[in-house]
Protein backbone atom coordinates (compact mmCIF):
# COMPACT_ATOMS: atom_id res chain seq x y z
CA UNK A 1 -61.07 -67.42 20.35
CA UNK A 2 -59.82 -64.35 23.04
CA UNK A 3 -57.08 -62.25 21.28
CA UNK A 4 -53.80 -61.30 23.60
CA UNK A 5 -52.51 -58.55 21.20
CA UNK A 6 -54.41 -56.36 18.42
CA UNK A 7 -53.11 -53.77 16.90
CA UNK A 8 -56.10 -51.58 14.38
CA UNK A 9 -55.20 -49.73 12.30
CA UNK A 10 -52.97 -47.99 12.96
CA UNK A 11 -49.96 -45.46 12.62
CA UNK A 12 -46.47 -44.77 13.63
CA UNK A 13 -43.82 -41.50 13.21
CA UNK A 14 -40.87 -41.35 15.44
CA UNK A 15 -39.03 -37.89 14.67
CA UNK A 16 -41.14 -38.11 11.80
CA UNK A 17 -39.73 -40.92 9.75
CA UNK A 18 -42.72 -43.47 9.23
CA UNK A 19 -42.68 -46.24 10.49
CA UNK A 20 -46.40 -47.62 10.61
CA UNK A 21 -49.46 -47.36 8.48
CA UNK A 22 -52.47 -48.55 9.00
CA UNK A 23 -51.60 -51.72 10.35
CA UNK A 24 -53.10 -54.33 11.89
CA UNK A 25 -53.02 -57.09 13.99
CA UNK A 26 -54.43 -60.15 15.88
CA UNK A 27 -52.98 -62.45 18.00
CA UNK A 28 -54.78 -64.96 20.02
CA UNK A 29 -53.58 -65.67 24.07
CA UNK A 30 -51.62 -68.96 23.57
CA UNK A 31 -50.63 -68.38 19.92
CA UNK A 32 -47.41 -68.39 18.63
CA UNK A 33 -47.26 -65.52 16.49
CA UNK A 34 -44.37 -64.05 13.80
CA UNK A 35 -43.33 -60.38 12.42
CA UNK A 36 -40.94 -60.72 9.49
CA UNK A 37 -39.03 -58.59 7.18
CA UNK A 38 -36.51 -56.63 5.92
CA UNK A 39 -34.21 -55.15 8.54
CA UNK A 40 -34.85 -51.43 9.04
CA UNK A 41 -38.74 -52.60 8.84
CA UNK A 42 -40.15 -51.28 11.53
CA UNK A 43 -40.11 -54.84 14.33
CA UNK A 44 -38.19 -53.57 16.66
CA UNK A 45 -40.40 -50.64 17.49
CA UNK A 46 -43.52 -52.08 16.47
CA UNK A 47 -42.43 -54.23 19.96
CA UNK A 48 -41.93 -51.48 21.59
CA UNK A 49 -45.28 -50.14 20.50
CA UNK A 50 -46.96 -52.83 22.34
CA UNK A 51 -44.70 -51.87 25.90
CA UNK A 52 -46.28 -48.37 25.44
CA UNK A 53 -42.71 -47.35 23.51
CA UNK A 54 -40.08 -46.92 26.97
CA UNK A 55 -37.49 -45.01 27.28
CA UNK A 56 -39.01 -42.27 23.83
CA UNK A 57 -38.39 -38.47 25.02
CA UNK A 58 -40.70 -35.48 23.78
CA UNK A 59 -37.65 -34.81 21.95
CA UNK A 60 -38.31 -38.18 19.21
CA UNK A 61 -42.26 -36.92 18.33
CA UNK A 62 -44.01 -40.05 17.94
CA UNK A 63 -46.84 -39.89 17.18
CA UNK A 64 -49.27 -42.79 17.70
CA UNK A 65 -52.98 -43.29 15.28
CA UNK A 66 -55.41 -45.93 15.79
CA UNK A 67 -55.80 -48.80 19.04
CA UNK A 68 -52.83 -50.90 20.77
CA UNK A 69 -55.21 -54.19 22.79
CA UNK A 70 -52.88 -56.18 25.07
CA UNK A 71 -55.24 -58.14 26.98
CA UNK A 72 -58.01 -55.59 25.70
CA UNK A 73 -56.41 -53.13 27.95
CA UNK A 74 -55.77 -49.97 25.50
CA UNK A 75 -52.03 -49.32 26.31
CA UNK A 76 -52.51 -45.32 26.13
CA UNK A 77 -55.78 -45.55 28.22
CA UNK A 78 -53.25 -46.95 31.27
CA UNK A 79 -52.35 -44.54 33.95
CA UNK A 80 -48.21 -44.99 34.74
CA UNK A 81 -48.88 -47.09 37.43
CA UNK A 82 -50.73 -49.85 35.68
CA UNK A 83 -48.68 -49.00 32.62
CA UNK A 84 -45.19 -50.02 34.91
CA UNK A 85 -47.95 -53.32 36.17
CA UNK A 86 -48.61 -53.75 32.44
CA UNK A 87 -44.48 -54.22 31.45
CA UNK A 88 -43.90 -56.36 34.32
CA UNK A 89 -46.34 -58.39 33.16
CA UNK A 90 -44.74 -58.40 29.14
CA UNK A 91 -41.25 -60.15 28.73
CA UNK A 92 -38.96 -59.46 26.46
CA UNK A 93 -36.14 -60.20 24.42
CA UNK A 94 -33.68 -58.19 23.04
CA UNK A 95 -30.71 -61.14 21.93
CA UNK A 96 -27.59 -59.35 22.64
CA UNK A 97 -28.82 -55.79 23.68
CA UNK A 98 -31.67 -57.37 26.93
CA UNK A 99 -29.09 -57.56 29.74
CA UNK A 100 -27.76 -54.95 32.15
CA UNK A 101 -23.67 -55.40 32.03
CA UNK A 102 -22.68 -53.63 35.84
CA UNK A 103 -24.96 -56.75 36.69
CA UNK A 104 -23.85 -61.08 37.44
CA UNK A 105 -26.31 -63.61 35.33
CA UNK A 106 -27.87 -64.43 38.74
CA UNK A 107 -28.63 -60.35 39.65
CA UNK A 108 -30.30 -60.48 35.77
CA UNK A 109 -32.44 -63.17 35.61
CA UNK A 110 -33.57 -62.36 39.68
CA UNK A 111 -35.05 -58.26 38.74
CA UNK A 112 -38.37 -58.26 38.25
CA UNK A 113 -38.74 -59.93 41.30
CA UNK A 114 -35.56 -57.25 42.67
CA UNK A 115 -38.94 -54.46 43.49
CA UNK A 116 -40.58 -55.72 46.77
CA UNK A 117 -43.98 -56.80 44.74
CA UNK A 118 -43.28 -60.75 44.23
CA UNK A 119 -44.23 -60.90 48.07
CA UNK A 120 -41.29 -63.44 47.35
CA UNK A 121 -38.36 -63.30 49.65
CA UNK A 122 -34.84 -63.17 49.11
CA UNK A 123 -34.94 -67.31 49.75
CA UNK A 124 -37.78 -67.30 46.89
CA UNK A 125 -36.98 -65.47 44.85
CA UNK A 126 -32.70 -67.64 44.50
CA UNK A 127 -34.87 -70.55 44.46
CA UNK A 128 -37.04 -69.93 41.77
CA UNK A 129 -33.69 -68.24 39.97
CA UNK A 130 -31.63 -71.15 40.32
CA UNK A 131 -34.94 -73.50 39.23
CA UNK A 132 -35.19 -71.76 35.77
CA UNK A 133 -31.30 -72.07 34.72
CA UNK A 134 -30.95 -75.34 35.57
CA UNK A 135 -34.48 -76.21 33.24
CA UNK A 136 -32.51 -74.60 30.47
CA UNK A 137 -29.38 -76.19 31.28
CA UNK A 138 -27.25 -73.45 32.37
CA UNK A 139 -27.20 -72.82 35.49
CA UNK A 140 -23.85 -72.74 35.62
CA UNK A 141 -24.10 -68.87 34.31
CA UNK A 142 -25.98 -69.00 38.50
CA UNK A 143 -21.88 -68.43 40.40
CA UNK A 144 -21.67 -65.51 41.76
CA UNK A 145 -19.76 -62.22 39.49
CA UNK A 146 -20.04 -63.78 36.07
CA UNK A 147 -21.23 -61.08 34.55
CA UNK A 148 -22.60 -60.96 30.03
CA UNK A 149 -19.27 -59.28 28.51
CA UNK A 150 -18.36 -63.82 29.64
CA UNK A 151 -21.19 -64.87 27.98
CA UNK A 152 -21.00 -66.58 24.12
CA UNK A 153 -24.56 -64.80 22.03
CA UNK A 154 -26.21 -68.37 22.46
CA UNK A 155 -25.71 -67.56 26.38
CA UNK A 156 -26.93 -64.34 26.51
CA UNK A 157 -30.57 -65.15 25.25
CA UNK A 158 -31.08 -68.07 27.23
CA UNK A 159 -30.13 -65.51 30.41
CA UNK A 160 -32.71 -63.67 28.77
CA UNK A 161 -35.11 -65.56 28.29
CA UNK A 162 -34.22 -67.61 31.86
CA UNK A 163 -35.34 -63.93 33.28
CA UNK A 164 -38.95 -64.22 31.22
CA UNK A 165 -39.54 -67.69 33.67
CA UNK A 166 -38.67 -66.39 36.26
CA UNK A 167 -40.63 -63.71 36.50
CA UNK A 168 -43.95 -65.70 34.95
CA UNK A 169 -45.46 -63.78 32.12
CA UNK A 170 -47.15 -64.32 29.56
CA UNK A 171 -47.26 -62.98 26.66
CA UNK A 172 -43.02 -63.13 25.69
CA UNK A 173 -41.60 -60.27 23.24
CA UNK A 174 -38.62 -60.96 21.41
CA UNK A 175 -36.43 -58.74 18.77
CA UNK A 176 -34.85 -61.18 16.70
CA UNK A 177 -33.38 -63.58 18.67
CA UNK A 178 -30.88 -65.10 16.99
CA UNK A 179 -29.91 -62.65 15.44
CA UNK A 180 -25.87 -63.14 15.37
CA UNK A 181 -26.42 -67.29 15.97
CA UNK A 182 -25.31 -70.21 13.16
CA UNK A 183 -27.82 -72.24 12.54
CA UNK A 184 -27.57 -74.82 15.25
CA UNK A 185 -27.39 -72.72 18.02
CA UNK A 186 -30.72 -70.78 15.58
CA UNK A 187 -32.52 -73.36 15.94
CA UNK A 188 -31.78 -74.29 19.54
CA UNK A 189 -33.07 -71.08 20.53
CA UNK A 190 -35.82 -71.03 18.88
CA UNK A 191 -37.58 -74.36 20.17
CA UNK A 192 -36.72 -72.99 23.71
CA UNK A 193 -37.92 -70.08 23.54
CA UNK A 194 -41.38 -71.73 21.90
CA UNK A 195 -41.37 -75.11 23.83
CA UNK A 196 -44.97 -74.67 26.19
CA UNK A 197 -48.31 -73.46 25.65
CA UNK A 198 -49.12 -71.65 27.84
CA UNK A 199 -48.22 -68.57 26.47
CA UNK A 200 -48.37 -66.13 24.46
CA UNK A 201 -45.52 -65.71 22.26
CA UNK A 202 -44.24 -62.63 19.52
CA UNK A 203 -41.20 -62.61 17.96
CA UNK A 204 -39.41 -60.48 16.06
CA UNK A 205 -37.13 -61.71 13.09
CA UNK A 206 -35.50 -61.38 10.53
CA UNK A 207 -34.77 -64.92 9.65
CA UNK A 208 -37.27 -67.25 9.36
CA UNK A 209 -36.33 -70.86 8.34
CA UNK A 210 -36.10 -71.12 12.58
CA UNK A 211 -39.90 -70.73 12.85
CA UNK A 212 -40.93 -73.14 10.05
CA UNK A 213 -41.92 -75.75 12.74
CA UNK A 214 -42.43 -73.61 15.30
CA UNK A 215 -44.96 -70.58 14.65
CA UNK A 216 -49.00 -70.78 14.49
CA UNK A 217 -48.72 -67.47 12.49
CA UNK A 218 -46.63 -65.74 10.17
CA UNK A 219 -47.13 -61.37 9.33
CA UNK A 220 -44.42 -59.37 7.09
CA UNK A 221 -43.86 -56.40 8.70
CA UNK A 222 -43.51 -54.08 4.33
CA UNK A 223 -44.77 -50.25 3.92
CA UNK A 224 -46.10 -50.06 7.35
CA UNK A 225 -48.00 -52.29 6.79
CA UNK A 226 -48.25 -56.78 8.13
CA UNK A 227 -50.06 -58.86 6.29
CA UNK A 228 -51.38 -62.28 8.05
CA UNK A 229 -49.22 -64.79 6.39
CA UNK A 230 -51.08 -67.57 7.93
CA UNK A 231 -49.51 -70.59 9.19
CA UNK A 232 -46.14 -72.43 7.43
CA UNK A 233 -48.13 -74.78 4.99
CA UNK A 234 -49.91 -71.45 3.92
CA UNK A 235 -46.52 -69.50 3.38
CA UNK A 236 -45.96 -71.50 0.25
CA UNK A 237 -48.51 -69.49 -1.58
CA UNK A 238 -47.08 -66.62 -0.97
CA UNK A 239 -45.49 -63.69 -4.22
CA UNK A 240 -43.57 -62.07 -1.79
CA UNK A 241 -40.48 -62.02 -2.96
CA UNK A 242 -38.31 -62.03 0.80
CA UNK A 243 -40.53 -64.73 1.63
CA UNK A 244 -39.79 -66.19 -1.20
CA UNK A 245 -36.31 -65.96 -0.81
CA UNK A 246 -36.20 -67.74 2.30
CA UNK A 247 -37.87 -70.75 2.11
CA UNK A 248 -35.63 -70.73 -0.51
CA UNK A 249 -32.93 -71.37 1.59
CA UNK A 250 -32.55 -68.32 3.56
CA UNK A 251 -29.50 -65.76 4.21
CA UNK A 252 -27.25 -67.65 6.21
CA UNK A 253 -25.27 -70.50 5.38
């Protein structure tokens, strides 16, 4: 089976702090993987690593070892142009913090097609945005001038998801997309996030329960290592205290 995302003996330090220490992961094409762990264990940094650490500067003192591959290509061997192209072909959902606040929602979701690289006309971009909004049931967010500040947390996640669907990405990364949401809203978001089989997804979360019936593989990130736990049935045999607590009822009411 072809691997979409692979880490081989990866180490990562940022500002002198060790984030990953000999981490390994292999996620097949088309699979949905969930990386779980306590707050601060390095999940967000793992996702940014897969994008080539965008936004990090020399003064952040990033030190990387091992091999990080996306679609079989080592991302740190890519030139700047190829790295940017790879990033455009991947989607990132950041929960409450992924929208550009000074743009309205329609411009936010069409952003990936706005740089002239898609080959689509303006009217074609608009039509694709509208179709995605209607499919997600959030066409009311397309009104001109409506900005992220007016949205609730659930709507913000849907708007980010719409952006990735408009761009037709084949790899989707999601960083704790249900953070701040209640049980019902979280399950709705996860159901939408994981629907369809044509996409590879890697989702980082501090809350396990909404993914039990949606993910193909679960991974535990702790002490800089990534431990493959298996599918939902295999989780029952995991003896890690955090996982046991999640399976016993989680930390939300």
